[in-house]
Amino acid sequence: MMDMLSNLQGWLKIIYVGFAFCLAFFLGALKGLLVCPVAGLILIIGNVGVIIGLFPAHVAWTVYTLVKTNRLDIPLKVAIFFPLPALFGLWLGLSIAGSVLVGVGYGFFTPWVSAFEAFRNDNECKKLFHCVVDGTWGTIKGSCTMVRDFADLCYHSYPIFLKEIRESPHSNELQPLRLFHVPGCIIAGLLGLVVDIPLYTVIAVIKSPYMLFKGWFRLLHDLISREGPFLETACIPIAGLTILLWPIVVIGSILIAIFSSIFIGLYGSVVVYQERSFRRGVAYVIAMVAEFDEYTNDWLYLREGTILPKPRYRQKKVHSSSELPVGGNQVAGGKFTSASADAPAMLMPSLAHSRSVREAIQEVKMVQIWVNMMRSCETRGRELLDADVIRPTDLKDWLKAKCVNEEAIVGFGLPCYSFLQTLLYSIKAGSGGLLLPDSVEITHLNRPNNKLLDWFFNPIMVLKEQISVLKLTEPEVRYLEKVVLFGSTTERMEAWDNGGLLPEDALRAAQIQGISRRMIGLIRSVSKFPTYRRRFRQVVKALVSYSESGPETSRSNSIRSVFSVENV
């Protein structure tokens, strides 16, 4: 009797999961069809409006930077001017086409996936409610947010990037162009397009069945053995959707491989210019096909290496102008490789064993880092306002972007000062990673699995170690605080009497200045992210409210601003 009841319960659970999956599948598709026209049109019209509206400014800013920079000599500038109209036309075509694809995909699939995510709730009524409601109004608001972030990227981040090119500390190192290398650069770029695009396409198409069936095998294996995303019953509908949509992921990977081959092939002309050798440019074109074949073999767990020829195309190491060190890339198996920045990239999901939801919860989420970063900026900003170190006019000038110096104090100085306090707090606590204000520790083991974060996490750890090794005294720490907050604004730096003293030892002073430059450079890089400016603007508005209304009123505004950061 007990066996019959247990078997009956098992069958009822299977029927329930099947019914829930079908309900979420069709209801999510219906929501996608209803929401997609609205959310998709908002995103498409908004992004296309930004692209076309700022196109004259982008042309003017780019031409002005090309004329003013000292990193290139006159022959190279003239040579760049010729393909510039084609590059602008390529930008218009690809960006508008990308906006259409993203608008349609985001508007349809976000409500669809939200219907499956509703089954994470415990209560059955909440599951049904969220299955119907989630992904409707939120998707429309998300499309508006994406348009705003894209506008920040085009209007703020791109000019900052161009300004750094004009004011680069390496601007006195001219890179002369030898005219007899120009034909070689052009031929190498065309050869890269002719060779890499077809071969990348062939490799991606041939290996796509392996990716399709191996992905299905891994997901079905996890379903049968109740591992990874199938460990929790509530997540089975979501994982089932993953199985159905896996062919779309495979097709997307093929398209991304073809798209990336265009720029990888064109980079052959850059290799000819850097190496001053047409033969090495041709070697690069051939080697990139072998690199791509080896890269896809690693991802799909096929044979190691490649049977294709991979000639050496670098005679000397190309140094990056960035102050931030970049570590090796991690590949399958936990090994590290020092592959150059030219290595091909194909966005493919990993076919390794999936982690369960409980295991994923132990990982620090990216949103936690954003929330803690912004909360720390707001807390340090209130402290500096109370001490009259920064003024309400500084905050308002940053919002209006009228004065460059004041914008630097708030836009770069305040987050840099807050970041310094986080590093010092981590060092004093003896943390092996980065200790956030809410006592969450980020280490190499629990950091978010995000390639973008990897570019910053390793330099941050190096910077933390450098500060720890220096064993700064209290006056030196206070002086470093003034330097990172005010930068080159010496009047404001001298006006703040926080007990900071410039070390008499010239080497010690140079080391502190170097740390401050690396910190400011790191914050400048982070500030280019479109989401950063939107989130930081909320913090500045909360600080303005704090300065005008007093602590009690601003406390509610602070909570509201942090809540809004968590939900975007």
Protein backbone atom coordinates (compact mmCIF):
# COMPACT_ATOMS: atom_id res chain seq x y z
CA MET A 1 0.00 0.00 0.00
CA MET A 2 2.80 2.38 0.91
CA ASP A 3 4.56 1.54 -2.34
CA MET A 4 1.44 2.35 -4.31
CA LEU A 5 1.09 5.69 -2.51
CA SER A 6 4.74 6.58 -3.14
CA ASN A 7 4.40 5.61 -6.81
CA LEU A 8 1.22 7.64 -7.07
CA GLN A 9 2.92 10.65 -5.50
CA GLY A 10 5.81 10.27 -7.94
CA TRP A 11 3.48 10.16 -10.93
CA LEU A 12 1.49 13.14 -9.60
CA LYS A 13 4.73 15.08 -9.24
CA ILE A 14 5.71 14.22 -12.81
CA ILE A 15 2.28 15.25 -14.08
CA TYR A 16 2.48 18.47 -12.08
CA VAL A 17 5.90 19.34 -13.46
CA GLY A 18 4.73 18.61 -17.01
CA PHE A 19 1.56 20.68 -16.58
CA ALA A 20 3.52 23.55 -15.00
CA PHE A 21 6.03 23.48 -17.83
CA CYS A 22 3.33 23.57 -20.51
CA LEU A 23 1.48 26.34 -18.68
CA ALA A 24 4.62 28.47 -18.34
CA PHE A 25 5.64 27.71 -21.93
CA PHE A 26 2.40 28.86 -23.57
CA LEU A 27 1.67 31.66 -21.09
CA GLY A 28 5.22 32.98 -21.45
CA ALA A 29 4.96 32.87 -25.23
CA LEU A 30 1.66 34.74 -25.06
CA LYS A 31 3.19 37.38 -22.79
CA GLY A 32 6.12 37.69 -25.19
CA LEU A 33 3.79 38.28 -28.13
CA LEU A 34 1.88 40.96 -26.20
CA VAL A 35 4.87 42.74 -24.62
CA CYS A 36 7.34 42.47 -27.51
CA PRO A 37 5.72 45.15 -29.74
CA VAL A 38 5.81 47.72 -26.93
CA ALA A 39 9.16 46.92 -25.30
CA GLY A 40 10.84 46.14 -28.62
CA LEU A 41 9.69 49.38 -30.25
CA ILE A 42 10.83 51.43 -27.26
CA LEU A 43 14.28 49.87 -27.41
CA ILE A 44 14.59 50.02 -31.21
CA ILE A 45 13.29 53.58 -31.61
CA GLY A 46 15.30 54.80 -28.60
CA ASN A 47 18.60 53.26 -29.65
CA VAL A 48 18.21 54.21 -33.32
CA GLY A 49 17.34 57.75 -32.25
CA VAL A 50 20.50 57.91 -30.13
CA ILE A 51 22.61 56.49 -32.97
CA ILE A 52 21.32 58.89 -35.61
CA GLY A 53 21.05 61.88 -33.27
CA LEU A 54 24.63 61.58 -32.01
CA PHE A 55 26.13 60.50 -35.34
CA PRO A 56 27.25 64.04 -36.34
CA ALA A 57 28.78 64.52 -32.88
CA HIS A 58 30.55 61.16 -33.08
CA VAL A 59 32.03 62.10 -36.45
CA ALA A 60 33.16 65.49 -35.14
CA TRP A 61 34.62 64.06 -31.92
CA THR A 62 36.48 61.31 -33.77
CA VAL A 63 37.93 63.64 -36.41
CA TYR A 64 38.94 66.17 -33.74
CA THR A 65 40.69 63.47 -31.73
CA LEU A 66 42.47 62.17 -34.81
CA VAL A 67 43.71 65.67 -35.62
CA LYS A 68 44.73 66.61 -32.05
CA THR A 69 46.41 63.38 -30.88
CA ASN A 70 50.19 63.30 -30.86
CA ARG A 71 50.39 59.52 -30.88
CA LEU A 72 50.17 59.41 -34.67
CA ASP A 73 52.20 61.31 -37.21
CA ILE A 74 50.74 63.12 -40.21
CA PRO A 75 51.10 60.30 -42.79
CA LEU A 76 49.30 57.86 -40.50
CA LYS A 77 46.52 60.37 -39.78
CA VAL A 78 46.01 60.92 -43.50
CA ALA A 79 45.95 57.16 -44.08
CA ILE A 80 43.30 56.70 -41.37
CA PHE A 81 41.09 59.44 -42.85
CA PHE A 82 40.50 57.44 -46.05
CA PRO A 83 38.72 54.40 -44.50
CA LEU A 84 36.99 56.58 -41.87
CA PRO A 85 33.74 57.10 -43.89
CA ALA A 86 33.46 53.35 -44.45
CA LEU A 87 33.93 52.72 -40.72
CA PHE A 88 31.23 55.25 -39.88
CA GLY A 89 28.90 53.60 -42.38
CA LEU A 90 29.70 50.19 -40.85
CA TRP A 91 28.90 51.59 -37.41
CA LEU A 92 25.53 52.88 -38.58
CA GLY A 93 24.56 49.63 -40.28
CA LEU A 94 25.70 47.24 -37.56
CA SER A 95 24.41 49.32 -34.65
CA ILE A 96 20.94 49.78 -36.16
CA ALA A 97 20.72 46.10 -37.11
CA GLY A 98 21.92 45.12 -33.64
CA SER A 99 19.34 47.38 -32.01
CA VAL A 100 16.56 45.69 -33.98
CA LEU A 101 17.74 42.20 -33.05
CA VAL A 102 18.24 43.09 -29.38
CA GLY A 103 14.85 44.84 -29.23
CA VAL A 104 12.97 41.88 -30.67
CA GLY A 105 14.91 39.32 -28.63
CA TYR A 106 14.65 41.22 -25.36
CA GLY A 107 10.98 42.10 -25.83
CA PHE A 108 9.94 38.52 -26.57
CA PHE A 109 12.24 36.27 -24.55
CA THR A 110 12.34 38.25 -21.29
CA PRO A 111 8.59 37.81 -20.54
CA TRP A 112 8.85 34.20 -21.71
CA VAL A 113 11.70 33.33 -19.34
CA SER A 114 10.05 35.30 -16.50
CA ALA A 115 7.08 32.92 -16.66
CA PHE A 116 9.41 30.01 -15.84
CA GLU A 117 11.26 31.91 -13.12
CA ALA A 118 7.97 32.36 -11.27
CA PHE A 119 8.22 28.72 -10.13
CA ARG A 120 11.01 29.69 -7.76
CA ASN A 121 8.30 30.86 -5.34
CA ASP A 122 7.11 28.46 -2.64
CA ASN A 123 3.42 29.35 -2.57
CA GLU A 124 1.27 27.98 -5.40
CA CYS A 125 -0.82 31.16 -5.63
CA LYS A 126 2.35 33.26 -5.87
CA LYS A 127 3.64 30.98 -8.62
CA LEU A 128 0.52 31.53 -10.70
CA PHE A 129 0.44 35.27 -9.98
CA HIS A 130 4.08 35.85 -10.87
CA CYS A 131 3.79 33.56 -13.89
CA VAL A 132 1.17 35.96 -15.26
CA VAL A 133 2.56 39.31 -14.06
CA ASP A 134 6.35 38.97 -14.14
CA GLY A 135 8.07 40.17 -17.28
CA THR A 136 5.30 42.52 -18.43
CA TRP A 137 5.72 46.00 -17.02
CA GLY A 138 9.22 45.12 -15.85
CA THR A 139 10.28 44.34 -19.41
CA ILE A 140 8.94 47.68 -20.64
CA LYS A 141 10.81 49.53 -17.90
CA GLY A 142 13.90 47.47 -18.66
CA SER A 143 13.79 48.52 -22.31
CA CYS A 144 13.74 52.18 -21.22
CA THR A 145 16.71 51.50 -18.93
CA MET A 146 18.63 49.87 -21.77
CA VAL A 147 18.04 52.89 -23.98
CA ARG A 148 19.31 55.16 -21.22
CA ASP A 149 22.40 53.02 -20.69
CA PHE A 150 23.11 52.99 -24.42
CA ALA A 151 22.76 56.79 -24.51
CA ASP A 152 25.24 57.08 -21.61
CA LEU A 153 27.64 54.83 -23.51
CA CYS A 154 27.42 56.96 -26.66
CA TYR A 155 27.26 60.39 -25.02
CA HIS A 156 29.59 59.99 -22.02
CA SER A 157 31.77 56.89 -22.29
CA TYR A 158 32.87 57.38 -25.90
CA PRO A 159 33.99 61.03 -25.38
CA ILE A 160 35.91 59.96 -22.25
CA PHE A 161 37.67 57.29 -24.31
CA LEU A 162 38.58 59.84 -26.98
CA LYS A 163 39.76 62.31 -24.35
CA GLU A 164 42.10 59.67 -22.92
CA ILE A 165 43.54 59.14 -26.40
CA ARG A 166 44.18 62.87 -26.77
CA GLU A 167 45.67 63.23 -23.28
CA SER A 168 47.49 59.89 -23.14
CA PRO A 169 50.76 60.01 -21.16
CA HIS A 170 52.38 58.22 -24.12
CA SER A 171 51.30 61.00 -26.50
CA ASN A 172 54.89 62.04 -27.12
CA GLU A 173 55.82 58.62 -28.47
CA LEU A 174 55.07 59.01 -32.16
CA GLN A 175 54.21 55.92 -34.15
CA PRO A 176 55.50 56.79 -37.64
CA LEU A 177 53.88 55.19 -40.65
CA ARG A 178 56.14 53.97 -43.42
CA LEU A 179 54.28 54.52 -46.66
CA PHE A 180 55.55 51.36 -48.30
CA HIS A 181 53.76 49.40 -45.54
CA VAL A 182 50.35 50.88 -46.44
CA PRO A 183 49.71 48.52 -49.39
CA GLY A 184 50.74 45.59 -47.21
CA CYS A 185 48.33 46.66 -44.47
CA ILE A 186 45.46 46.92 -46.94
CA ILE A 187 46.21 43.58 -48.61
CA ALA A 188 46.61 41.83 -45.22
CA GLY A 189 43.25 43.18 -44.04
CA LEU A 190 41.51 42.05 -47.23
CA LEU A 191 43.26 38.69 -47.06
CA GLY A 192 42.04 38.30 -43.49
CA LEU A 193 38.46 38.87 -44.60
CA VAL A 194 38.74 36.49 -47.54
CA VAL A 195 40.38 33.70 -45.50
CA ASP A 196 39.05 34.00 -41.95
CA ILE A 197 35.34 34.59 -42.61
CA PRO A 198 34.79 31.44 -44.75
CA LEU A 199 37.02 29.21 -42.60
CA TYR A 200 35.49 30.45 -39.33
CA THR A 201 32.05 29.78 -40.81
CA VAL A 202 33.02 26.27 -41.94
CA ILE A 203 34.55 25.37 -38.56
CA ALA A 204 31.56 26.75 -36.63
CA VAL A 205 29.01 24.97 -38.84
CA ILE A 206 30.88 21.64 -38.80
CA LYS A 207 31.22 21.66 -35.01
CA SER A 208 27.70 22.95 -34.32
CA PRO A 209 26.19 19.40 -34.27
CA TYR A 210 28.74 18.45 -31.60
CA MET A 211 27.74 21.49 -29.58
CA LEU A 212 24.03 20.73 -30.07
CA PHE A 213 24.08 17.08 -29.08
CA LYS A 214 26.72 17.40 -26.37
CA GLY A 215 24.72 20.22 -24.82
CA TRP A 216 21.54 18.19 -24.92
CA PHE A 217 23.41 15.17 -23.51
CA ARG A 218 24.74 17.24 -20.59
CA LEU A 219 21.34 18.75 -19.79
CA LEU A 220 19.53 15.42 -20.05
CA HIS A 221 22.20 13.76 -17.92
CA ASP A 222 21.66 16.39 -15.23
CA LEU A 223 17.89 15.87 -15.52
CA ILE A 224 18.11 12.10 -15.03
CA SER A 225 20.72 12.26 -12.25
CA ARG A 226 19.09 15.33 -10.65
CA GLU A 227 22.29 17.36 -10.75
CA GLY A 228 23.05 20.97 -11.55
CA PRO A 229 19.97 23.04 -12.38
CA PHE A 230 17.69 20.00 -11.96
CA LEU A 231 18.59 19.45 -8.30
CA GLU A 232 15.67 21.58 -7.11
CA THR A 233 12.20 20.61 -8.36
CA ALA A 234 11.17 24.27 -8.66
CA CYS A 235 13.91 24.88 -11.24
CA ILE A 236 13.02 21.98 -13.53
CA PRO A 237 10.70 24.10 -15.74
CA ILE A 238 13.50 26.64 -16.28
CA ALA A 239 15.98 23.91 -17.14
CA GLY A 240 13.41 22.35 -19.48
CA LEU A 241 13.17 25.64 -21.32
CA THR A 242 16.96 25.59 -21.63
CA ILE A 243 16.77 22.21 -23.36
CA LEU A 244 14.19 23.51 -25.84
CA LEU A 245 16.11 26.72 -26.56
CA TRP A 246 19.51 25.07 -26.86
CA PRO A 247 19.35 25.02 -30.71
CA ILE A 248 18.89 28.81 -30.64
CA VAL A 249 22.03 29.07 -28.46
CA VAL A 250 23.95 27.00 -31.00
CA ILE A 251 22.75 29.15 -33.90
CA GLY A 252 23.68 32.29 -31.94
CA SER A 253 27.18 30.93 -31.36
CA ILE A 254 27.61 30.36 -35.12
CA LEU A 255 26.50 33.91 -35.89
CA ILE A 256 28.80 35.36 -33.24
CA ALA A 257 31.73 33.36 -34.64
CA ILE A 258 31.05 34.72 -38.15
CA PHE A 259 30.66 38.25 -36.83
CA SER A 260 33.89 38.12 -34.80
CA SER A 261 35.82 36.77 -37.80
CA ILE A 262 35.31 40.11 -39.58
CA PHE A 263 37.28 42.06 -36.98
CA ILE A 264 39.81 39.29 -36.41
CA GLY A 265 40.55 39.25 -40.14
CA LEU A 266 40.85 43.04 -40.36
CA TYR A 267 43.32 42.97 -37.47
CA GLY A 268 45.82 41.45 -39.87
CA SER A 269 46.53 44.96 -41.20
CA VAL A 270 47.35 46.08 -37.64
CA VAL A 271 49.81 43.19 -37.26
CA VAL A 272 51.55 44.24 -40.48
CA TYR A 273 51.85 47.79 -39.16
CA GLN A 274 53.08 46.71 -35.71
CA GLU A 275 55.55 44.11 -36.93
CA ARG A 276 56.59 46.02 -40.05
CA SER A 277 56.28 42.77 -41.99
CA PHE A 278 53.72 41.64 -44.55
CA ARG A 279 54.84 38.03 -44.07
CA ARG A 280 53.91 38.16 -40.38
CA GLY A 281 50.52 39.62 -41.27
CA VAL A 282 49.84 36.63 -43.51
CA ALA A 283 51.09 34.33 -40.73
CA TYR A 284 48.61 35.99 -38.36
CA VAL A 285 45.70 35.33 -40.74
CA ILE A 286 46.65 31.63 -40.96
CA ALA A 287 47.36 31.30 -37.23
CA MET A 288 43.99 32.76 -36.22
CA VAL A 289 42.15 29.96 -38.02
CA ALA A 290 44.19 27.40 -36.06
CA GLU A 291 43.62 29.35 -32.83
CA PHE A 292 39.87 29.31 -33.42
CA ASP A 293 39.90 25.58 -34.15
CA GLU A 294 41.87 24.91 -30.97
CA TYR A 295 39.61 27.23 -28.96
CA THR A 296 36.43 25.43 -30.06
CA ASN A 297 38.06 22.05 -29.41
CA ASP A 298 38.70 23.09 -25.80
CA TRP A 299 35.12 24.28 -25.29
CA LEU A 300 33.55 21.17 -26.83
CA TYR A 301 35.95 18.73 -25.13
CA LEU A 302 37.24 17.39 -28.44
CA ARG A 303 40.85 16.48 -29.14
CA GLU A 304 43.49 18.82 -27.73
CA GLY A 305 45.23 21.23 -30.04
CA THR A 306 44.64 21.53 -33.76
CA ILE A 307 45.80 19.88 -36.96
CA LEU A 308 45.92 23.22 -38.78
CA PRO A 309 49.21 25.11 -39.17
CA LYS A 310 49.84 27.83 -36.61
CA PRO A 311 52.84 29.94 -37.67
CA ARG A 312 54.37 32.47 -35.31
CA TYR A 313 53.43 36.01 -36.20
CA ARG A 314 54.86 38.01 -33.28
CA GLN A 315 58.53 38.90 -33.14
CA LYS A 316 58.26 41.32 -30.27
CA LYS A 317 55.75 41.79 -27.48
CA VAL A 318 53.13 44.49 -28.01
CA HIS A 319 52.92 46.61 -24.89
CA SER A 320 49.61 47.97 -23.77
CA SER A 321 49.32 51.59 -22.72
CA SER A 322 47.03 50.73 -19.87
CA GLU A 323 48.34 51.00 -16.35
CA LEU A 324 46.35 47.97 -15.30
CA PRO A 325 48.05 44.58 -15.57
CA VAL A 326 46.05 41.95 -17.31
CA GLY A 327 46.54 38.35 -16.27
CA GLY A 328 46.26 35.26 -18.35
CA ASN A 329 42.98 33.87 -19.48
CA GLN A 330 41.61 30.81 -17.80
CA VAL A 331 40.64 27.97 -20.05
CA ALA A 332 39.11 24.61 -19.52
CA GLY A 333 40.66 22.53 -16.82
CA GLY A 334 41.71 25.45 -14.63
CA LYS A 335 44.91 26.09 -16.54
CA PHE A 336 46.03 29.55 -17.45
CA THR A 337 47.31 30.71 -20.75
CA SER A 338 49.06 33.92 -21.70
CA ALA A 339 47.26 34.23 -24.98
CA SER A 340 47.48 37.62 -26.57
CA ALA A 341 44.62 39.98 -27.03
CA ASP A 342 44.38 38.84 -30.65
CA ALA A 343 43.02 35.42 -29.70
CA PRO A 344 39.70 34.67 -31.32
CA ALA A 345 36.57 34.82 -29.27
CA MET A 346 33.47 32.72 -29.65
CA LEU A 347 30.80 33.11 -27.02
CA MET A 348 29.82 29.56 -26.17
CA PRO A 349 28.19 28.22 -23.01
CA SER A 350 30.30 25.83 -21.03
CA LEU A 351 29.43 22.15 -21.29
CA ALA A 352 30.98 21.35 -17.92
CA HIS A 353 28.91 20.05 -15.02
CA SER A 354 26.34 22.65 -13.97
CA ARG A 355 26.10 23.93 -10.44
CA SER A 356 22.92 23.67 -8.47
CA VAL A 357 20.99 26.69 -7.29
CA ARG A 358 22.19 26.13 -3.71
CA GLU A 359 25.81 26.12 -4.91
CA ALA A 360 25.22 29.23 -6.97
CA ILE A 361 23.84 31.08 -3.96
CA GLN A 362 27.25 30.81 -2.28
CA GLU A 363 28.78 32.84 -5.10
CA VAL A 364 28.88 36.60 -4.64
CA LYS A 365 26.54 38.11 -7.20
CA MET A 366 27.49 41.03 -9.41
CA VAL A 367 24.53 43.03 -8.13
CA GLN A 368 25.94 42.72 -4.58
CA ILE A 369 29.16 44.35 -5.74
CA TRP A 370 27.29 47.18 -7.47
CA VAL A 371 25.03 47.79 -4.46
CA ASN A 372 27.93 47.76 -2.00
CA MET A 373 30.00 50.02 -4.22
CA MET A 374 27.23 52.59 -4.51
CA ARG A 375 26.28 52.34 -0.84
CA SER A 376 29.92 52.91 0.13
CA CYS A 377 30.12 55.95 -2.18
CA GLU A 378 27.01 57.39 -0.57
CA THR A 379 28.27 56.76 2.96
CA ARG A 380 31.68 58.30 2.27
CA GLY A 381 30.02 61.17 0.44
CA ARG A 382 27.89 62.01 3.48
CA GLU A 383 31.00 61.94 5.66
CA LEU A 384 32.82 64.31 3.31
CA LEU A 385 29.79 66.61 3.13
CA ASP A 386 29.56 66.75 6.93
CA ALA A 387 33.27 67.63 7.09
CA ASP A 388 32.80 70.27 4.36
CA VAL A 389 35.44 68.54 2.23
CA ILE A 390 33.14 68.36 -0.79
CA ARG A 391 30.41 70.92 -1.30
CA PRO A 392 26.84 70.72 -2.57
CA THR A 393 27.93 72.84 -5.53
CA ASP A 394 30.40 70.08 -6.49
CA LEU A 395 27.56 67.60 -6.67
CA LYS A 396 25.28 69.93 -8.63
CA ASP A 397 28.09 70.81 -11.04
CA TRP A 398 28.64 67.12 -11.71
CA LEU A 399 24.94 66.63 -12.43
CA LYS A 400 25.04 69.60 -14.79
CA ALA A 401 28.55 68.70 -16.06
CA LYS A 402 29.57 72.36 -16.29
CA CYS A 403 33.02 72.38 -14.75
CA VAL A 404 35.65 69.81 -15.61
CA ASN A 405 37.58 70.12 -12.33
CA GLU A 406 34.52 69.79 -10.13
CA GLU A 407 33.29 66.92 -12.27
CA ALA A 408 36.59 65.13 -11.66
CA ILE A 409 36.27 65.57 -7.89
CA VAL A 410 32.80 64.01 -7.76
CA GLY A 411 32.89 61.77 -10.81
CA PHE A 412 36.30 60.19 -10.14
CA GLY A 413 37.50 61.46 -6.76
CA LEU A 414 34.55 60.36 -4.64
CA PRO A 415 34.36 56.75 -5.92
CA CYS A 416 38.15 56.52 -5.83
CA TYR A 417 38.19 57.72 -2.21
CA SER A 418 35.46 55.22 -1.34
CA PHE A 419 37.36 52.43 -3.09
CA LEU A 420 40.53 53.31 -1.16
CA GLN A 421 38.63 53.00 2.12
CA THR A 422 37.40 49.56 1.05
CA LEU A 423 40.96 48.44 0.29
CA LEU A 424 42.25 49.78 3.61
CA TYR A 425 39.37 48.09 5.44
CA SER A 426 40.21 44.79 3.75
CA ILE A 427 43.91 45.11 4.61
CA LYS A 428 43.25 45.95 8.28
CA ALA A 429 40.83 43.00 8.57
CA GLY A 430 43.44 40.64 7.14
CA SER A 431 41.15 39.59 4.31
CA GLY A 432 42.57 37.42 1.56
CA GLY A 433 40.29 39.14 -0.96
CA LEU A 434 38.13 42.22 -0.96
CA LEU A 435 35.93 42.86 2.10
CA LEU A 436 32.77 44.77 1.22
CA PRO A 437 31.06 47.15 3.69
CA ASP A 438 28.35 44.59 4.53
CA SER A 439 31.10 42.10 5.58
CA VAL A 440 30.77 40.05 2.37
CA GLU A 441 34.22 38.89 1.28
CA ILE A 442 35.07 38.48 -2.41
CA THR A 443 37.89 36.04 -3.09
CA HIS A 444 39.15 34.12 -6.10
CA LEU A 445 36.85 31.25 -5.07
CA ASN A 446 33.49 33.01 -4.73
CA ARG A 447 33.81 35.93 -7.12
CA PRO A 448 31.18 36.22 -9.87
CA ASN A 449 31.93 34.10 -12.93
CA ASN A 450 32.13 37.16 -15.15
CA LYS A 451 34.84 37.78 -17.77
CA LEU A 452 34.37 41.52 -17.45
CA LEU A 453 35.00 41.37 -13.70
CA ASP A 454 38.16 39.32 -14.27
CA TRP A 455 39.72 42.29 -16.04
CA PHE A 456 39.43 44.31 -12.82
CA PHE A 457 39.59 41.78 -9.98
CA ASN A 458 43.21 40.73 -10.54
CA PRO A 459 44.50 44.34 -10.82
CA ILE A 460 42.54 45.20 -7.66
CA MET A 461 44.21 42.35 -5.79
CA VAL A 462 47.62 43.48 -7.07
CA LEU A 463 46.86 47.05 -5.97
CA LYS A 464 45.75 45.84 -2.53
CA GLU A 465 48.96 43.85 -2.17
CA GLN A 466 51.07 46.87 -3.17
CA ILE A 467 49.39 49.05 -0.54
CA SER A 468 49.83 46.31 2.06
CA VAL A 469 53.53 45.87 1.28
CA LEU A 470 54.20 49.61 1.56
CA LYS A 471 52.93 49.62 5.18
CA LEU A 472 51.78 53.22 4.96
CA THR A 473 51.87 55.36 8.08
CA GLU A 474 48.80 57.30 9.18
CA PRO A 475 49.98 60.64 7.66
CA GLU A 476 50.81 58.84 4.41
CA VAL A 477 47.35 57.26 4.29
CA ARG A 478 45.77 60.67 4.85
CA TYR A 479 47.89 62.15 2.09
CA LEU A 480 46.86 59.34 -0.27
CA GLU A 481 43.22 60.11 0.57
CA LYS A 482 43.72 63.73 -0.49
CA VAL A 483 45.46 62.75 -3.70
CA VAL A 484 42.81 60.27 -4.85
CA LEU A 485 39.95 62.63 -3.93
CA PHE A 486 41.19 65.87 -5.46
CA GLY A 487 43.68 64.65 -8.04
CA SER A 488 45.36 67.64 -9.66
CA THR A 489 43.18 70.24 -7.89
CA THR A 490 45.96 71.42 -5.59
CA GLU A 491 43.99 74.30 -4.02
CA ARG A 492 41.29 72.00 -2.70
CA MET A 493 43.91 69.47 -1.63
CA GLU A 494 45.81 72.03 0.43
CA ALA A 495 42.59 73.39 1.93
CA TRP A 496 41.68 69.99 3.43
CA ASP A 497 43.64 69.63 6.65
CA ASN A 498 43.24 65.95 7.42
CA GLY A 499 46.73 65.41 8.81
CA GLY A 500 48.14 64.09 5.55
CA LEU A 501 51.81 64.82 4.85
CA LEU A 502 53.84 64.26 1.71
CA PRO A 503 56.71 61.84 2.55
CA GLU A 504 60.14 63.42 2.51
CA ASP A 505 61.56 60.34 0.83
CA ALA A 506 61.23 60.91 -2.92
CA LEU A 507 60.89 57.17 -3.63
CA ARG A 508 58.14 56.82 -1.05
CA ALA A 509 56.28 59.82 -2.50
CA ALA A 510 56.59 58.42 -6.01
CA GLN A 511 55.18 55.07 -4.85
CA ILE A 512 52.14 56.78 -3.30
CA GLN A 513 51.61 58.85 -6.44
CA GLY A 514 51.81 55.67 -8.54
CA ILE A 515 49.15 53.99 -6.41
CA SER A 516 46.87 57.01 -6.75
CA ARG A 517 47.30 57.04 -10.54
CA ARG A 518 46.47 53.35 -10.78
CA MET A 519 43.39 53.79 -8.60
CA ILE A 520 42.16 56.75 -10.64
CA GLY A 521 42.82 54.84 -13.86
CA LEU A 522 40.82 51.90 -12.52
CA ILE A 523 37.86 54.12 -11.61
CA ARG A 524 38.05 55.84 -15.00
CA SER A 525 37.78 52.44 -16.67
CA VAL A 526 34.81 51.43 -14.51
CA SER A 527 33.10 54.78 -15.15
CA LYS A 528 32.88 53.94 -18.85
CA PHE A 529 30.31 51.24 -18.09
CA PRO A 530 26.87 52.59 -19.01
CA THR A 531 25.18 51.09 -15.93
CA TYR A 532 27.76 52.75 -13.66
CA ARG A 533 26.82 56.29 -14.61
CA ARG A 534 23.10 55.65 -14.07
CA ARG A 535 23.68 54.10 -10.67
CA PHE A 536 26.21 56.73 -9.59
CA ARG A 537 23.85 59.51 -10.64
CA GLN A 538 21.29 58.13 -8.17
CA VAL A 539 23.95 58.33 -5.44
CA VAL A 540 24.81 61.95 -6.29
CA LYS A 541 21.12 62.91 -6.23
CA ALA A 542 20.79 61.28 -2.81
CA LEU A 543 23.81 63.28 -1.58
CA VAL A 544 22.30 66.50 -2.93
CA SER A 545 19.12 65.69 -1.04
CA TYR A 546 21.20 64.98 2.07
CA SER A 547 22.92 68.35 1.85
CA GLU A 548 19.66 70.23 1.39
CA SER A 549 17.25 68.35 3.67
CA GLY A 550 19.38 67.14 6.54
CA PRO A 551 20.23 63.66 7.78
CA GLU A 552 16.74 62.46 8.76
CA THR A 553 15.02 63.22 5.47
CA SER A 554 17.96 62.04 3.41
CA ARG A 555 18.07 58.72 5.21
CA SER A 556 14.82 57.67 3.55
CA ASN A 557 16.12 58.95 0.22
CA SER A 558 19.29 56.91 0.74
CA ILE A 559 17.31 53.75 1.35
CA ARG A 560 15.20 54.47 -1.71
CA SER A 561 18.26 55.05 -3.90
CA VAL A 562 19.91 51.81 -2.77
CA PHE A 563 16.64 49.94 -3.36
CA SER A 564 16.44 51.35 -6.88
CA VAL A 565 20.03 50.27 -7.53
CA GLU A 566 19.20 46.73 -6.46
CA ASN A 567 16.27 46.56 -8.86
CA VAL A 568 17.97 47.78 -12.03
